[in-house]
Amino acid sequence: MDLICTNDGDVPLWMRIGSGNESDQKQFVQAMKDFQNQLNLDSLMVADSA
């Protein structure tokens, strides 16, 4: 599950159920692009990969 939440209050803004075989490095970039396109926001995004 890919989930993007607000910094203050952890309100969910975007979610996607993905395949367990996806590469995290590739999917993080695509998730940020999909989120930005959906909400049309001019924002800063920070992601963390294990």
PDB file of N, CA and C in Angstrom:
ATOM      1  N   MET A   1       0.852  -1.167   0.000  1.00  0.00           N
ATOM      2  CA  MET A   1       0.000   0.000   0.000  1.00  0.00           C
ATOM      3  C   MET A   1       0.894   1.225   0.000  1.00  0.00           C
ATOM      4  N   ASP A   2       0.665   2.124  -0.928  1.00  0.00           N
ATOM      5  CA  ASP A   2       1.360   3.411  -0.959  1.00  0.00           C
ATOM      6  C   ASP A   2       0.414   4.435  -0.351  1.00  0.00           C
ATOM      7  N   LEU A   3       0.911   5.195   0.608  1.00  0.00           N
ATOM      8  CA  LEU A   3       0.068   6.149   1.328  1.00  0.00           C
ATOM      9  C   LEU A   3       0.811   7.455   1.500  1.00  0.00           C
ATOM     10  N   ILE A   4       0.158   8.570   1.164  1.00  0.00           N
ATOM     11  CA  ILE A   4       0.710   9.906   1.374  1.00  0.00           C
ATOM     12  C   ILE A   4      -0.211  10.606   2.360  1.00  0.00           C
ATOM     13  N   CYS A   5       0.388  11.120   3.458  1.00  0.00           N
ATOM     14  CA  CYS A   5      -0.371  11.785   4.525  1.00  0.00           C
ATOM     15  C   CYS A   5       0.162  13.192   4.749  1.00  0.00           C
ATOM     16  N   THR A   6      -0.641  14.015   5.422  1.00  0.00           N
ATOM     17  CA  THR A   6      -0.197  15.355   5.795  1.00  0.00           C
ATOM     18  C   THR A   6       0.821  15.252   6.922  1.00  0.00           C
ATOM     19  N   ASN A   7       1.654  16.258   7.033  1.00  0.00           N
ATOM     20  CA  ASN A   7       2.653  16.308   8.091  1.00  0.00           C
ATOM     21  C   ASN A   7       2.003  16.577   9.444  1.00  0.00           C
ATOM     22  N   ASP A   8       0.974  17.394   9.458  1.00  0.00           N
ATOM     23  CA  ASP A   8       0.316  17.772  10.702  1.00  0.00           C
ATOM     24  C   ASP A   8      -0.991  16.997  10.839  1.00  0.00           C
ATOM     25  N   GLY A   9      -1.004  15.971  11.659  1.00  0.00           N
ATOM     26  CA  GLY A   9      -2.223  15.214  11.913  1.00  0.00           C
ATOM     27  C   GLY A   9      -2.337  13.919  11.141  1.00  0.00           C
ATOM     28  N   ASP A  10      -1.406  13.649  10.255  1.00  0.00           N
ATOM     29  CA  ASP A  10      -1.397  12.399   9.488  1.00  0.00           C
ATOM     30  C   ASP A  10      -2.718  12.104   8.783  1.00  0.00           C
ATOM     31  N   VAL A  11      -3.283  13.125   8.143  1.00  0.00           N
ATOM     32  CA  VAL A  11      -4.512  12.951   7.378  1.00  0.00           C
ATOM     33  C   VAL A  11      -4.157  12.338   6.022  1.00  0.00           C
ATOM     34  N   PRO A  12      -4.753  11.203   5.663  1.00  0.00           N
ATOM     35  CA  PRO A  12      -4.450  10.583   4.370  1.00  0.00           C
ATOM     36  C   PRO A  12      -4.898  11.473   3.213  1.00  0.00           C
ATOM     37  N   LEU A  13      -4.000  11.663   2.236  1.00  0.00           N
ATOM     38  CA  LEU A  13      -4.321  12.460   1.061  1.00  0.00           C
ATOM     39  C   LEU A  13      -4.408  11.621  -0.210  1.00  0.00           C
ATOM     40  N   TRP A  14      -3.649  10.521  -0.251  1.00  0.00           N
ATOM     41  CA  TRP A  14      -3.579   9.689  -1.462  1.00  0.00           C
ATOM     42  C   TRP A  14      -3.206   8.277  -1.058  1.00  0.00           C
ATOM     43  N   MET A  15      -3.807   7.284  -1.737  1.00  0.00           N
ATOM     44  CA  MET A  15      -3.493   5.898  -1.448  1.00  0.00           C
ATOM     45  C   MET A  15      -3.585   5.087  -2.731  1.00  0.00           C
ATOM     46  N   ARG A  16      -2.721   4.074  -2.822  1.00  0.00           N
ATOM     47  CA  ARG A  16      -2.748   3.159  -3.954  1.00  0.00           C
ATOM     48  C   ARG A  16      -2.308   1.789  -3.464  1.00  0.00           C
ATOM     49  N   ILE A  17      -3.018   0.763  -3.896  1.00  0.00           N
ATOM     50  CA  ILE A  17      -2.618  -0.604  -3.595  1.00  0.00           C
ATOM     51  C   ILE A  17      -1.781  -1.096  -4.773  1.00  0.00           C
ATOM     52  N   GLY A  18      -0.553  -1.506  -4.491  1.00  0.00           N
ATOM     53  CA  GLY A  18       0.363  -1.924  -5.547  1.00  0.00           C
ATOM     54  C   GLY A  18       0.711  -3.394  -5.436  1.00  0.00           C
ATOM     55  N   SER A  19       1.458  -3.845  -6.411  1.00  0.00           N
ATOM     56  CA  SER A  19       1.939  -5.213  -6.433  1.00  0.00           C
ATOM     57  C   SER A  19       3.095  -5.359  -5.445  1.00  0.00           C
ATOM     58  N   GLY A  20       3.190  -6.485  -4.800  1.00  0.00           N
ATOM     59  CA  GLY A  20       4.297  -6.725  -3.876  1.00  0.00           C
ATOM     60  C   GLY A  20       5.631  -6.904  -4.578  1.00  0.00           C
ATOM     61  N   ASN A  21       5.610  -6.999  -5.891  1.00  0.00           N
ATOM     62  CA  ASN A  21       6.829  -7.214  -6.659  1.00  0.00           C
ATOM     63  C   ASN A  21       7.398  -5.931  -7.259  1.00  0.00           C
ATOM     64  N   GLU A  22       6.802  -4.781  -6.954  1.00  0.00           N
ATOM     65  CA  GLU A  22       7.278  -3.507  -7.508  1.00  0.00           C
ATOM     66  C   GLU A  22       8.568  -3.064  -6.826  1.00  0.00           C
ATOM     67  N   SER A  23       9.407  -2.377  -7.574  1.00  0.00           N
ATOM     68  CA  SER A  23      10.626  -1.794  -7.021  1.00  0.00           C
ATOM     69  C   SER A  23      10.270  -0.518  -6.263  1.00  0.00           C
ATOM     70  N   ASP A  24      10.668  -0.418  -4.989  1.00  0.00           N
ATOM     71  CA  ASP A  24      10.363   0.767  -4.184  1.00  0.00           C
ATOM     72  C   ASP A  24      10.949   2.037  -4.795  1.00  0.00           C
ATOM     73  N   GLN A  25      12.173   1.961  -5.289  1.00  0.00           N
ATOM     74  CA  GLN A  25      12.828   3.146  -5.828  1.00  0.00           C
ATOM     75  C   GLN A  25      12.055   3.702  -7.022  1.00  0.00           C
ATOM     76  N   LYS A  26      11.574   2.844  -7.899  1.00  0.00           N
ATOM     77  CA  LYS A  26      10.814   3.294  -9.064  1.00  0.00           C
ATOM     78  C   LYS A  26       9.415   3.745  -8.666  1.00  0.00           C
ATOM     79  N   GLN A  27       8.783   3.037  -7.732  1.00  0.00           N
ATOM     80  CA  GLN A  27       7.403   3.339  -7.371  1.00  0.00           C
ATOM     81  C   GLN A  27       7.273   4.645  -6.590  1.00  0.00           C
ATOM     82  N   PHE A  28       8.254   4.992  -5.755  1.00  0.00           N
ATOM     83  CA  PHE A  28       8.172   6.248  -5.001  1.00  0.00           C
ATOM     84  C   PHE A  28       8.074   7.436  -5.936  1.00  0.00           C
ATOM     85  N   VAL A  29       8.887   7.440  -6.978  1.00  0.00           N
ATOM     86  CA  VAL A  29       8.869   8.550  -7.949  1.00  0.00           C
ATOM     87  C   VAL A  29       7.525   8.600  -8.657  1.00  0.00           C
ATOM     88  N   GLN A  30       7.013   7.450  -9.090  1.00  0.00           N
ATOM     89  CA  GLN A  30       5.730   7.417  -9.785  1.00  0.00           C
ATOM     90  C   GLN A  30       4.582   7.824  -8.862  1.00  0.00           C
ATOM     91  N   ALA A  31       4.626   7.404  -7.604  1.00  0.00           N
ATOM     92  CA  ALA A  31       3.576   7.775  -6.645  1.00  0.00           C
ATOM     93  C   ALA A  31       3.539   9.286  -6.446  1.00  0.00           C
ATOM     94  N   MET A  32       4.691   9.923  -6.336  1.00  0.00           N
ATOM     95  CA  MET A  32       4.729  11.384  -6.172  1.00  0.00           C
ATOM     96  C   MET A  32       4.185  12.093  -7.409  1.00  0.00           C
ATOM     97  N   LYS A  33       4.521  11.585  -8.593  1.00  0.00           N
ATOM     98  CA  LYS A  33       4.005  12.188  -9.829  1.00  0.00           C
ATOM     99  C   LYS A  33       2.486  12.028  -9.914  1.00  0.00           C
ATOM    100  N   ASP A  34       1.975  10.832  -9.604  1.00  0.00           N
ATOM    101  CA  ASP A  34       0.528  10.586  -9.642  1.00  0.00           C
ATOM    102  C   ASP A  34      -0.209  11.478  -8.645  1.00  0.00           C
ATOM    103  N   PHE A  35       0.336  11.596  -7.437  1.00  0.00           N
ATOM    104  CA  PHE A  35      -0.274  12.440  -6.406  1.00  0.00           C
ATOM    105  C   PHE A  35      -0.295  13.902  -6.851  1.00  0.00           C
ATOM    106  N   GLN A  36       0.806  14.381  -7.359  1.00  0.00           N
ATOM    107  CA  GLN A  36       0.891  15.778  -7.777  1.00  0.00           C
ATOM    108  C   GLN A  36      -0.062  16.052  -8.943  1.00  0.00           C
ATOM    109  N   ASN A  37      -0.168  15.118  -9.891  1.00  0.00           N
ATOM    110  CA  ASN A  37      -1.087  15.289 -11.021  1.00  0.00           C
ATOM    111  C   ASN A  37      -2.542  15.270 -10.576  1.00  0.00           C
ATOM    112  N   GLN A  38      -2.866  14.420  -9.614  1.00  0.00           N
ATOM    113  CA  GLN A  38      -4.248  14.290  -9.148  1.00  0.00           C
ATOM    114  C   GLN A  38      -4.723  15.559  -8.443  1.00  0.00           C
ATOM    115  N   LEU A  39      -3.886  16.122  -7.577  1.00  0.00           N
ATOM    116  CA  LEU A  39      -4.307  17.271  -6.792  1.00  0.00           C
ATOM    117  C   LEU A  39      -3.826  18.603  -7.352  1.00  0.00           C
ATOM    118  N   ASN A  40      -2.940  18.548  -8.345  1.00  0.00           N
ATOM    119  CA  ASN A  40      -2.430  19.750  -8.987  1.00  0.00           C
ATOM    120  C   ASN A  40      -1.889  20.738  -7.960  1.00  0.00           C
ATOM    121  N   LEU A  41      -0.969  20.278  -7.117  1.00  0.00           N
ATOM    122  CA  LEU A  41      -0.380  21.107  -6.072  1.00  0.00           C
ATOM    123  C   LEU A  41       1.053  21.492  -6.425  1.00  0.00           C
ATOM    124  N   ASP A  42       1.441  22.662  -5.997  1.00  0.00           N
ATOM    125  CA  ASP A  42       2.827  23.091  -6.095  1.00  0.00           C
ATOM    126  C   ASP A  42       3.414  22.882  -4.699  1.00  0.00           C
ATOM    127  N   SER A  43       4.169  21.798  -4.518  1.00  0.00           N
ATOM    128  CA  SER A  43       4.577  21.452  -3.153  1.00  0.00           C
ATOM    129  C   SER A  43       5.927  20.774  -3.128  1.00  0.00           C
ATOM    130  N   LEU A  44       6.452  20.597  -1.925  1.00  0.00           N
ATOM    131  CA  LEU A  44       7.678  19.868  -1.674  1.00  0.00           C
ATOM    132  C   LEU A  44       7.315  18.499  -1.122  1.00  0.00           C
ATOM    133  N   MET A  45       7.906  17.435  -1.691  1.00  0.00           N
ATOM    134  CA  MET A  45       7.624  16.087  -1.213  1.00  0.00           C
ATOM    135  C   MET A  45       8.919  15.446  -0.735  1.00  0.00           C
ATOM    136  N   VAL A  46       8.838  14.784   0.408  1.00  0.00           N
ATOM    137  CA  VAL A  46       9.995  14.092   0.985  1.00  0.00           C
ATOM    138  C   VAL A  46       9.612  12.623   1.131  1.00  0.00           C
ATOM    139  N   ALA A  47      10.488  11.732   0.639  1.00  0.00           N
ATOM    140  CA  ALA A  47      10.211  10.285   0.718  1.00  0.00           C
ATOM    141  C   ALA A  47      11.382   9.581   1.381  1.00  0.00           C
ATOM    142  N   ASP A  48      11.100   8.472   2.032  1.00  0.00           N
ATOM    143  CA  ASP A  48      12.121   7.696   2.708  1.00  0.00           C
ATOM    144  C   ASP A  48      12.008   6.251   2.233  1.00  0.00           C
ATOM    145  N   SER A  49      13.123   5.669   1.873  1.00  0.00           N
ATOM    146  CA  SER A  49      13.137   4.287   1.420  1.00  0.00           C
ATOM    147  C   SER A  49      14.015   3.457   2.346  1.00  0.00           C
ATOM    148  N   ALA A  50      13.552   2.268   2.698  1.00  0.00           N
ATOM    149  CA  ALA A  50      14.290   1.404   3.612  1.00  0.00           C
ATOM    150  C   ALA A  50      15.542   0.864   2.983  1.00  0.00           C
TER     151      ALA A  50
END
